[in-house]
Amino acid sequence: MNEDRPAMIESRLRAAMTVDDLEIVDDSHRHRGHAGARAGGGHFRVRVVSPDFAGKGTIARHRMVYAAMGDAMRADVIHALSIRALTPAEANADAGEG
């Protein structure tokens, strides 16, 4: 089931907003034995770049991502989701720092 979750995350984000770039990392293996992992929930890191984030603060951006995930944000599907939500300009500035 875990291998289907990144595809589900991508599908939901792309359906809910304009996505210029998306990276999804499944960190579930790093949380074996954790209460949420025992319930079957996955741990994921998401870096999403969208012009839809322009003019919005971090909390509003995270709310947009959580709204896109909807009912998947249950302990048995997605237990933990680390979000990095950037506008295209912020992503370009990030790339220039490396």
PDB file of N, CA and C in Angstrom:
ATOM      1  N   MET A   1       0.826  -1.210   0.000  1.00  0.00           N
ATOM      2  CA  MET A   1       0.000   0.000   0.000  1.00  0.00           C
ATOM      3  C   MET A   1       0.862   1.262   0.000  1.00  0.00           C
ATOM      4  N   ASN A   2       2.001   1.247   0.743  1.00  0.00           N
ATOM      5  CA  ASN A   2       2.839   2.440   0.816  1.00  0.00           C
ATOM      6  C   ASN A   2       3.296   2.924  -0.549  1.00  0.00           C
ATOM      7  N   GLU A   3       3.560   1.997  -1.491  1.00  0.00           N
ATOM      8  CA  GLU A   3       4.041   2.413  -2.802  1.00  0.00           C
ATOM      9  C   GLU A   3       2.969   3.176  -3.588  1.00  0.00           C
ATOM     10  N   ASP A   4       1.696   2.993  -3.235  1.00  0.00           N
ATOM     11  CA  ASP A   4       0.614   3.719  -3.897  1.00  0.00           C
ATOM     12  C   ASP A   4       0.408   5.113  -3.305  1.00  0.00           C
ATOM     13  N   ARG A   5       0.884   5.334  -2.107  1.00  0.00           N
ATOM     14  CA  ARG A   5       0.624   6.599  -1.422  1.00  0.00           C
ATOM     15  C   ARG A   5       1.296   7.796  -2.089  1.00  0.00           C
ATOM     16  N   PRO A   6       2.552   7.715  -2.526  1.00  0.00           N
ATOM     17  CA  PRO A   6       3.128   8.868  -3.225  1.00  0.00           C
ATOM     18  C   PRO A   6       2.318   9.247  -4.481  1.00  0.00           C
ATOM     19  N   ALA A   7       1.847   8.263  -5.221  1.00  0.00           N
ATOM     20  CA  ALA A   7       1.031   8.548  -6.412  1.00  0.00           C
ATOM     21  C   ALA A   7      -0.272   9.214  -6.013  1.00  0.00           C
ATOM     22  N   MET A   8      -0.872   8.776  -4.913  1.00  0.00           N
ATOM     23  CA  MET A   8      -2.106   9.379  -4.424  1.00  0.00           C
ATOM     24  C   MET A   8      -1.858  10.818  -3.982  1.00  0.00           C
ATOM     25  N   ILE A   9      -0.749  11.051  -3.277  1.00  0.00           N
ATOM     26  CA  ILE A   9      -0.413  12.410  -2.842  1.00  0.00           C
ATOM     27  C   ILE A   9      -0.248  13.309  -4.060  1.00  0.00           C
ATOM     28  N   GLU A  10       0.504  12.840  -5.042  1.00  0.00           N
ATOM     29  CA  GLU A  10       0.714  13.636  -6.259  1.00  0.00           C
ATOM     30  C   GLU A  10      -0.605  13.936  -6.956  1.00  0.00           C
ATOM     31  N   SER A  11      -1.431  12.937  -7.113  1.00  0.00           N
ATOM     32  CA  SER A  11      -2.711  13.108  -7.795  1.00  0.00           C
ATOM     33  C   SER A  11      -3.587  14.142  -7.091  1.00  0.00           C
ATOM     34  N   ARG A  12      -3.659  14.061  -5.783  1.00  0.00           N
ATOM     35  CA  ARG A  12      -4.504  14.995  -5.033  1.00  0.00           C
ATOM     36  C   ARG A  12      -3.971  16.425  -5.098  1.00  0.00           C
ATOM     37  N   LEU A  13      -2.654  16.586  -4.991  1.00  0.00           N
ATOM     38  CA  LEU A  13      -2.086  17.934  -5.060  1.00  0.00           C
ATOM     39  C   LEU A  13      -2.297  18.549  -6.442  1.00  0.00           C
ATOM     40  N   ARG A  14      -2.062  17.764  -7.480  1.00  0.00           N
ATOM     41  CA  ARG A  14      -2.231  18.280  -8.847  1.00  0.00           C
ATOM     42  C   ARG A  14      -3.688  18.602  -9.166  1.00  0.00           C
ATOM     43  N   ALA A  15      -4.606  17.888  -8.550  1.00  0.00           N
ATOM     44  CA  ALA A  15      -6.027  18.162  -8.763  1.00  0.00           C
ATOM     45  C   ALA A  15      -6.477  19.431  -8.036  1.00  0.00           C
ATOM     46  N   ALA A  16      -5.805  19.758  -6.929  1.00  0.00           N
ATOM     47  CA  ALA A  16      -6.229  20.872  -6.089  1.00  0.00           C
ATOM     48  C   ALA A  16      -5.563  22.200  -6.422  1.00  0.00           C
ATOM     49  N   MET A  17      -4.397  22.144  -7.087  1.00  0.00           N
ATOM     50  CA  MET A  17      -3.665  23.389  -7.341  1.00  0.00           C
ATOM     51  C   MET A  17      -2.767  23.230  -8.565  1.00  0.00           C
ATOM     52  N   THR A  18      -2.271  24.347  -9.041  1.00  0.00           N
ATOM     53  CA  THR A  18      -1.283  24.333 -10.119  1.00  0.00           C
ATOM     54  C   THR A  18       0.049  23.938  -9.499  1.00  0.00           C
ATOM     55  N   VAL A  19       0.656  22.889 -10.020  1.00  0.00           N
ATOM     56  CA  VAL A  19       1.926  22.405  -9.470  1.00  0.00           C
ATOM     57  C   VAL A  19       3.007  22.559 -10.524  1.00  0.00           C
ATOM     58  N   ASP A  20       3.998  23.407 -10.225  1.00  0.00           N
ATOM     59  CA  ASP A  20       5.140  23.586 -11.129  1.00  0.00           C
ATOM     60  C   ASP A  20       6.217  22.536 -10.884  1.00  0.00           C
ATOM     61  N   ASP A  21       6.377  22.135  -9.634  1.00  0.00           N
ATOM     62  CA  ASP A  21       7.384  21.135  -9.290  1.00  0.00           C
ATOM     63  C   ASP A  21       6.912  20.430  -8.032  1.00  0.00           C
ATOM     64  N   LEU A  22       7.226  19.137  -7.948  1.00  0.00           N
ATOM     65  CA  LEU A  22       6.767  18.347  -6.814  1.00  0.00           C
ATOM     66  C   LEU A  22       7.778  17.256  -6.508  1.00  0.00           C
ATOM     67  N   GLU A  23       8.123  17.150  -5.247  1.00  0.00           N
ATOM     68  CA  GLU A  23       8.993  16.071  -4.779  1.00  0.00           C
ATOM     69  C   GLU A  23       8.319  15.427  -3.576  1.00  0.00           C
ATOM     70  N   ILE A  24       8.178  14.117  -3.616  1.00  0.00           N
ATOM     71  CA  ILE A  24       7.567  13.371  -2.525  1.00  0.00           C
ATOM     72  C   ILE A  24       8.564  12.313  -2.075  1.00  0.00           C
ATOM     73  N   VAL A  25       8.892  12.326  -0.790  1.00  0.00           N
ATOM     74  CA  VAL A  25       9.825  11.360  -0.232  1.00  0.00           C
ATOM     75  C   VAL A  25       9.093  10.552   0.833  1.00  0.00           C
ATOM     76  N   ASP A  26       9.121   9.237   0.682  1.00  0.00           N
ATOM     77  CA  ASP A  26       8.515   8.344   1.652  1.00  0.00           C
ATOM     78  C   ASP A  26       9.554   8.023   2.729  1.00  0.00           C
ATOM     79  N   ASP A  27       9.335   8.541   3.923  1.00  0.00           N
ATOM     80  CA  ASP A  27      10.233   8.314   5.051  1.00  0.00           C
ATOM     81  C   ASP A  27       9.679   7.268   6.016  1.00  0.00           C
ATOM     82  N   SER A  28       8.693   6.521   5.586  1.00  0.00           N
ATOM     83  CA  SER A  28       8.023   5.561   6.474  1.00  0.00           C
ATOM     84  C   SER A  28       8.999   4.575   7.095  1.00  0.00           C
ATOM     85  N   HIS A  29       9.986   4.148   6.329  1.00  0.00           N
ATOM     86  CA  HIS A  29      10.949   3.174   6.834  1.00  0.00           C
ATOM     87  C   HIS A  29      11.746   3.695   8.028  1.00  0.00           C
ATOM     88  N   ARG A  30      11.825   4.995   8.156  1.00  0.00           N
ATOM     89  CA  ARG A  30      12.584   5.592   9.257  1.00  0.00           C
ATOM     90  C   ARG A  30      11.772   5.658  10.548  1.00  0.00           C
ATOM     91  N   HIS A  31      10.492   5.274  10.475  1.00  0.00           N
ATOM     92  CA  HIS A  31       9.603   5.422  11.625  1.00  0.00           C
ATOM     93  C   HIS A  31       8.996   4.093  12.070  1.00  0.00           C
ATOM     94  N   ARG A  32       9.626   2.999  11.703  1.00  0.00           N
ATOM     95  CA  ARG A  32       9.128   1.683  12.131  1.00  0.00           C
ATOM     96  C   ARG A  32       9.060   1.634  13.650  1.00  0.00           C
ATOM     97  N   GLY A  33       7.976   1.089  14.156  1.00  0.00           N
ATOM     98  CA  GLY A  33       7.797   0.995  15.595  1.00  0.00           C
ATOM     99  C   GLY A  33       7.087   2.185  16.198  1.00  0.00           C
ATOM    100  N   HIS A  34       7.031   3.292  15.480  1.00  0.00           N
ATOM    101  CA  HIS A  34       6.319   4.488  15.916  1.00  0.00           C
ATOM    102  C   HIS A  34       4.826   4.184  15.912  1.00  0.00           C
ATOM    103  N   ALA A  35       4.074   4.773  16.824  1.00  0.00           N
ATOM    104  CA  ALA A  35       2.646   4.467  16.968  1.00  0.00           C
ATOM    105  C   ALA A  35       1.883   4.598  15.647  1.00  0.00           C
ATOM    106  N   GLY A  36       2.096   5.669  14.920  1.00  0.00           N
ATOM    107  CA  GLY A  36       1.402   5.857  13.647  1.00  0.00           C
ATOM    108  C   GLY A  36       1.802   4.827  12.614  1.00  0.00           C
ATOM    109  N   ALA A  37       3.060   4.430  12.639  1.00  0.00           N
ATOM    110  CA  ALA A  37       3.540   3.421  11.699  1.00  0.00           C
ATOM    111  C   ALA A  37       2.919   2.070  12.013  1.00  0.00           C
ATOM    112  N   ARG A  38       2.752   1.756  13.291  1.00  0.00           N
ATOM    113  CA  ARG A  38       2.120   0.492  13.668  1.00  0.00           C
ATOM    114  C   ARG A  38       0.683   0.438  13.175  1.00  0.00           C
ATOM    115  N   ALA A  39       0.019   1.585  13.100  1.00  0.00           N
ATOM    116  CA  ALA A  39      -1.368   1.644  12.609  1.00  0.00           C
ATOM    117  C   ALA A  39      -1.413   1.566  11.087  1.00  0.00           C
ATOM    118  N   GLY A  40      -0.241   1.588  10.442  1.00  0.00           N
ATOM    119  CA  GLY A  40      -0.193   1.488   8.986  1.00  0.00           C
ATOM    120  C   GLY A  40       0.019   2.804   8.277  1.00  0.00           C
ATOM    121  N   GLY A  41       0.094   3.888   9.033  1.00  0.00           N
ATOM    122  CA  GLY A  41       0.245   5.211   8.428  1.00  0.00           C
ATOM    123  C   GLY A  41       1.644   5.470   7.916  1.00  0.00           C
ATOM    124  N   GLY A  42       1.725   6.211   6.817  1.00  0.00           N
ATOM    125  CA  GLY A  42       3.005   6.554   6.230  1.00  0.00           C
ATOM    126  C   GLY A  42       3.502   7.907   6.698  1.00  0.00           C
ATOM    127  N   HIS A  43       4.810   8.086   6.602  1.00  0.00           N
ATOM    128  CA  HIS A  43       5.470   9.352   6.915  1.00  0.00           C
ATOM    129  C   HIS A  43       6.076   9.874   5.615  1.00  0.00           C
ATOM    130  N   PHE A  44       5.699  11.085   5.222  1.00  0.00           N
ATOM    131  CA  PHE A  44       6.140  11.629   3.939  1.00  0.00           C
ATOM    132  C   PHE A  44       6.650  13.054   4.084  1.00  0.00           C
ATOM    133  N   ARG A  45       7.602  13.384   3.206  1.00  0.00           N
ATOM    134  CA  ARG A  45       8.064  14.766   3.036  1.00  0.00           C
ATOM    135  C   ARG A  45       7.625  15.209   1.653  1.00  0.00           C
ATOM    136  N   VAL A  46       7.044  16.405   1.579  1.00  0.00           N
ATOM    137  CA  VAL A  46       6.564  16.944   0.313  1.00  0.00           C
ATOM    138  C   VAL A  46       7.176  18.321   0.101  1.00  0.00           C
ATOM    139  N   ARG A  47       7.737  18.521  -1.076  1.00  0.00           N
ATOM    140  CA  ARG A  47       8.180  19.853  -1.503  1.00  0.00           C
ATOM    141  C   ARG A  47       7.362  20.171  -2.738  1.00  0.00           C
ATOM    142  N   VAL A  48       6.489  21.153  -2.613  1.00  0.00           N
ATOM    143  CA  VAL A  48       5.598  21.497  -3.715  1.00  0.00           C
ATOM    144  C   VAL A  48       5.794  22.969  -4.077  1.00  0.00           C
ATOM    145  N   VAL A  49       5.947  23.205  -5.361  1.00  0.00           N
ATOM    146  CA  VAL A  49       6.109  24.565  -5.877  1.00  0.00           C
ATOM    147  C   VAL A  49       4.857  24.899  -6.672  1.00  0.00           C
ATOM    148  N   SER A  50       4.197  25.973  -6.269  1.00  0.00           N
ATOM    149  CA  SER A  50       2.950  26.361  -6.931  1.00  0.00           C
ATOM    150  C   SER A  50       2.780  27.876  -6.924  1.00  0.00           C
ATOM    151  N   PRO A  51       2.340  28.438  -8.050  1.00  0.00           N
ATOM    152  CA  PRO A  51       2.027  29.866  -8.059  1.00  0.00           C
ATOM    153  C   PRO A  51       0.809  30.171  -7.190  1.00  0.00           C
ATOM    154  N   ASP A  52       0.023  29.165  -6.861  1.00  0.00           N
ATOM    155  CA  ASP A  52      -1.157  29.353  -6.011  1.00  0.00           C
ATOM    156  C   ASP A  52      -0.786  29.769  -4.593  1.00  0.00           C
ATOM    157  N   PHE A  53       0.472  29.593  -4.194  1.00  0.00           N
ATOM    158  CA  PHE A  53       0.921  29.975  -2.860  1.00  0.00           C
ATOM    159  C   PHE A  53       1.268  31.463  -2.756  1.00  0.00           C
ATOM    160  N   ALA A  54       1.332  32.157  -3.879  1.00  0.00           N
ATOM    161  CA  ALA A  54       1.715  33.575  -3.876  1.00  0.00           C
ATOM    162  C   ALA A  54       0.780  34.385  -2.973  1.00  0.00           C
ATOM    163  N   GLY A  55       1.383  35.220  -2.137  1.00  0.00           N
ATOM    164  CA  GLY A  55       0.617  36.092  -1.256  1.00  0.00           C
ATOM    165  C   GLY A  55       0.074  35.396  -0.020  1.00  0.00           C
ATOM    166  N   LYS A  56       0.406  34.128   0.160  1.00  0.00           N
ATOM    167  CA  LYS A  56      -0.097  33.375   1.314  1.00  0.00           C
ATOM    168  C   LYS A  56       1.059  33.041   2.253  1.00  0.00           C
ATOM    169  N   GLY A  57       0.773  33.044   3.528  1.00  0.00           N
ATOM    170  CA  GLY A  57       1.762  32.685   4.527  1.00  0.00           C
ATOM    171  C   GLY A  57       1.887  31.173   4.657  1.00  0.00           C
ATOM    172  N   THR A  58       2.818  30.756   5.487  1.00  0.00           N
ATOM    173  CA  THR A  58       3.099  29.336   5.670  1.00  0.00           C
ATOM    174  C   THR A  58       1.869  28.549   6.115  1.00  0.00           C
ATOM    175  N   ILE A  59       1.139  29.045   7.084  1.00  0.00           N
ATOM    176  CA  ILE A  59      -0.021  28.316   7.591  1.00  0.00           C
ATOM    177  C   ILE A  59      -1.080  28.162   6.507  1.00  0.00           C
ATOM    178  N   ALA A  60      -1.345  29.206   5.750  1.00  0.00           N
ATOM    179  CA  ALA A  60      -2.330  29.117   4.670  1.00  0.00           C
ATOM    180  C   ALA A  60      -1.890  28.114   3.605  1.00  0.00           C
ATOM    181  N   ARG A  61      -0.612  28.094   3.307  1.00  0.00           N
ATOM    182  CA  ARG A  61      -0.087  27.149   2.322  1.00  0.00           C
ATOM    183  C   ARG A  61      -0.246  25.711   2.812  1.00  0.00           C
ATOM    184  N   HIS A  62       0.086  25.497   4.071  1.00  0.00           N
ATOM    185  CA  HIS A  62      -0.043  24.147   4.634  1.00  0.00           C
ATOM    186  C   HIS A  62      -1.507  23.720   4.660  1.00  0.00           C
ATOM    187  N   ARG A  63      -2.393  24.649   4.968  1.00  0.00           N
ATOM    188  CA  ARG A  63      -3.823  24.334   4.957  1.00  0.00           C
ATOM    189  C   ARG A  63      -4.281  23.925   3.561  1.00  0.00           C
ATOM    190  N   MET A  64      -3.730  24.561   2.549  1.00  0.00           N
ATOM    191  CA  MET A  64      -4.070  24.190   1.171  1.00  0.00           C
ATOM    192  C   MET A  64      -3.643  22.749   0.880  1.00  0.00           C
ATOM    193  N   VAL A  65      -2.453  22.394   1.333  1.00  0.00           N
ATOM    194  CA  VAL A  65      -1.957  21.038   1.110  1.00  0.00           C
ATOM    195  C   VAL A  65      -2.805  20.031   1.894  1.00  0.00           C
ATOM    196  N   TYR A  66      -3.086  20.326   3.155  1.00  0.00           N
ATOM    197  CA  TYR A  66      -3.910  19.420   3.958  1.00  0.00           C
ATOM    198  C   TYR A  66      -5.310  19.289   3.373  1.00  0.00           C
ATOM    199  N   ALA A  67      -5.869  20.382   2.864  1.00  0.00           N
ATOM    200  CA  ALA A  67      -7.195  20.308   2.229  1.00  0.00           C
ATOM    201  C   ALA A  67      -7.151  19.397   1.007  1.00  0.00           C
ATOM    202  N   ALA A  68      -6.068  19.470   0.249  1.00  0.00           N
ATOM    203  CA  ALA A  68      -5.923  18.602  -0.922  1.00  0.00           C
ATOM    204  C   ALA A  68      -5.835  17.134  -0.509  1.00  0.00           C
ATOM    205  N   MET A  69      -5.209  16.865   0.624  1.00  0.00           N
ATOM    206  CA  MET A  69      -5.073  15.484   1.097  1.00  0.00           C
ATOM    207  C   MET A  69      -6.390  14.935   1.632  1.00  0.00           C
ATOM    208  N   GLY A  70      -7.224  15.812   2.164  1.00  0.00           N
ATOM    209  CA  GLY A  70      -8.548  15.410   2.633  1.00  0.00           C
ATOM    210  C   GLY A  70      -8.517  14.225   3.574  1.00  0.00           C
ATOM    211  N   ASP A  71      -9.324  13.207   3.257  1.00  0.00           N
ATOM    212  CA  ASP A  71      -9.478  12.052   4.139  1.00  0.00           C
ATOM    213  C   ASP A  71      -8.244  11.160   4.209  1.00  0.00           C
ATOM    214  N   ALA A  72      -7.247  11.429   3.399  1.00  0.00           N
ATOM    215  CA  ALA A  72      -6.007  10.641   3.466  1.00  0.00           C
ATOM    216  C   ALA A  72      -5.200  10.985   4.713  1.00  0.00           C
ATOM    217  N   MET A  73      -5.519  12.104   5.348  1.00  0.00           N
ATOM    218  CA  MET A  73      -4.790  12.513   6.548  1.00  0.00           C
ATOM    219  C   MET A  73      -5.357  11.802   7.777  1.00  0.00           C
ATOM    220  N   ARG A  74      -5.395  10.494   7.679  1.00  0.00           N
ATOM    221  CA  ARG A  74      -5.781   9.631   8.805  1.00  0.00           C
ATOM    222  C   ARG A  74      -4.529   8.864   9.203  1.00  0.00           C
ATOM    223  N   ALA A  75      -4.462   8.454  10.445  1.00  0.00           N
ATOM    224  CA  ALA A  75      -3.271   7.765  10.937  1.00  0.00           C
ATOM    225  C   ALA A  75      -2.960   6.490  10.167  1.00  0.00           C
ATOM    226  N   ASP A  76      -3.964   5.857   9.554  1.00  0.00           N
ATOM    227  CA  ASP A  76      -3.701   4.603   8.848  1.00  0.00           C
ATOM    228  C   ASP A  76      -3.330   4.811   7.385  1.00  0.00           C
ATOM    229  N   VAL A  77      -3.374   6.038   6.881  1.00  0.00           N
ATOM    230  CA  VAL A  77      -2.983   6.320   5.496  1.00  0.00           C
ATOM    231  C   VAL A  77      -1.737   7.212   5.501  1.00  0.00           C
ATOM    232  N   ILE A  78      -1.888   8.450   5.938  1.00  0.00           N
ATOM    233  CA  ILE A  78      -0.757   9.360   6.091  1.00  0.00           C
ATOM    234  C   ILE A  78      -0.733   9.789   7.545  1.00  0.00           C
ATOM    235  N   HIS A  79       0.220   9.275   8.268  1.00  0.00           N
ATOM    236  CA  HIS A  79       0.331   9.616   9.680  1.00  0.00           C
ATOM    237  C   HIS A  79       1.038  10.962   9.866  1.00  0.00           C
ATOM    238  N   ALA A  80       2.051  11.218   9.050  1.00  0.00           N
ATOM    239  CA  ALA A  80       2.828  12.446   9.184  1.00  0.00           C
ATOM    240  C   ALA A  80       3.196  12.974   7.801  1.00  0.00           C
ATOM    241  N   LEU A  81       3.059  14.282   7.655  1.00  0.00           N
ATOM    242  CA  LEU A  81       3.367  14.930   6.382  1.00  0.00           C
ATOM    243  C   LEU A  81       4.166  16.196   6.663  1.00  0.00           C
ATOM    244  N   SER A  82       5.428  16.190   6.240  1.00  0.00           N
ATOM    245  CA  SER A  82       6.285  17.357   6.357  1.00  0.00           C
ATOM    246  C   SER A  82       6.159  18.130   5.046  1.00  0.00           C
ATOM    247  N   ILE A  83       5.828  19.412   5.142  1.00  0.00           N
ATOM    248  CA  ILE A  83       5.502  20.200   3.948  1.00  0.00           C
ATOM    249  C   ILE A  83       6.483  21.339   3.750  1.00  0.00           C
ATOM    250  N   ARG A  84       6.978  21.467   2.550  1.00  0.00           N
ATOM    251  CA  ARG A  84       7.742  22.641   2.119  1.00  0.00           C
ATOM    252  C   ARG A  84       6.984  23.186   0.923  1.00  0.00           C
ATOM    253  N   ALA A  85       6.279  24.287   1.100  1.00  0.00           N
ATOM    254  CA  ALA A  85       5.406  24.865   0.078  1.00  0.00           C
ATOM    255  C   ALA A  85       5.989  26.203  -0.377  1.00  0.00           C
ATOM    256  N   LEU A  86       6.390  26.256  -1.649  1.00  0.00           N
ATOM    257  CA  LEU A  86       7.084  27.425  -2.190  1.00  0.00           C
ATOM    258  C   LEU A  86       6.381  27.971  -3.425  1.00  0.00           C
ATOM    259  N   THR A  87       6.537  29.270  -3.644  1.00  0.00           N
ATOM    260  CA  THR A  87       6.139  29.846  -4.915  1.00  0.00           C
ATOM    261  C   THR A  87       7.271  29.584  -5.911  1.00  0.00           C
ATOM    262  N   PRO A  88       7.016  29.734  -7.213  1.00  0.00           N
ATOM    263  CA  PRO A  88       8.101  29.557  -8.180  1.00  0.00           C
ATOM    264  C   PRO A  88       9.287  30.497  -7.910  1.00  0.00           C
ATOM    265  N   ALA A  89       9.016  31.735  -7.532  1.00  0.00           N
ATOM    266  CA  ALA A  89      10.098  32.692  -7.258  1.00  0.00           C
ATOM    267  C   ALA A  89      10.934  32.232  -6.063  1.00  0.00           C
ATOM    268  N   GLU A  90      10.274  31.722  -5.027  1.00  0.00           N
ATOM    269  CA  GLU A  90      11.001  31.221  -3.862  1.00  0.00           C
ATOM    270  C   GLU A  90      11.828  29.997  -4.218  1.00  0.00           C
ATOM    271  N   ALA A  91      11.282  29.128  -5.041  1.00  0.00           N
ATOM    272  CA  ALA A  91      12.011  27.932  -5.469  1.00  0.00           C
ATOM    273  C   ALA A  91      13.242  28.323  -6.291  1.00  0.00           C
ATOM    274  N   ASN A  92      13.101  29.325  -7.155  1.00  0.00           N
ATOM    275  CA  ASN A  92      14.239  29.798  -7.950  1.00  0.00           C
ATOM    276  C   ASN A  92      15.307  30.409  -7.065  1.00  0.00           C
ATOM    277  N   ALA A  93      14.905  31.168  -6.060  1.00  0.00           N
ATOM    278  CA  ALA A  93      15.863  31.767  -5.129  1.00  0.00           C
ATOM    279  C   ALA A  93      16.568  30.667  -4.343  1.00  0.00           C
ATOM    280  N   ASP A  94      15.830  29.633  -3.935  1.00  0.00           N
ATOM    281  CA  ASP A  94      16.406  28.476  -3.225  1.00  0.00           C
ATOM    282  C   ASP A  94      17.472  27.810  -4.085  1.00  0.00           C
ATOM    283  N   ALA A  95      17.173  27.615  -5.359  1.00  0.00           N
ATOM    284  CA  ALA A  95      18.094  26.945  -6.278  1.00  0.00           C
ATOM    285  C   ALA A  95      19.372  27.768  -6.453  1.00  0.00           C
ATOM    286  N   GLY A  96      19.243  29.083  -6.410  1.00  0.00           N
ATOM    287  CA  GLY A  96      20.388  29.966  -6.591  1.00  0.00           C
ATOM    288  C   GLY A  96      21.327  29.972  -5.397  1.00  0.00           C
ATOM    289  N   GLU A  97      20.818  29.533  -4.226  1.00  0.00           N
ATOM    290  CA  GLU A  97      21.641  29.521  -3.014  1.00  0.00           C
ATOM    291  C   GLU A  97      22.582  28.324  -2.967  1.00  0.00           C
ATOM    292  N   GLY A  98      22.268  27.269  -3.752  1.00  0.00           N
ATOM    293  CA  GLY A  98      23.069  26.038  -3.673  1.00  0.00           C
ATOM    294  C   GLY A  98      24.305  26.188  -4.399  1.00  0.00           C
TER     295      GLY A  98
END
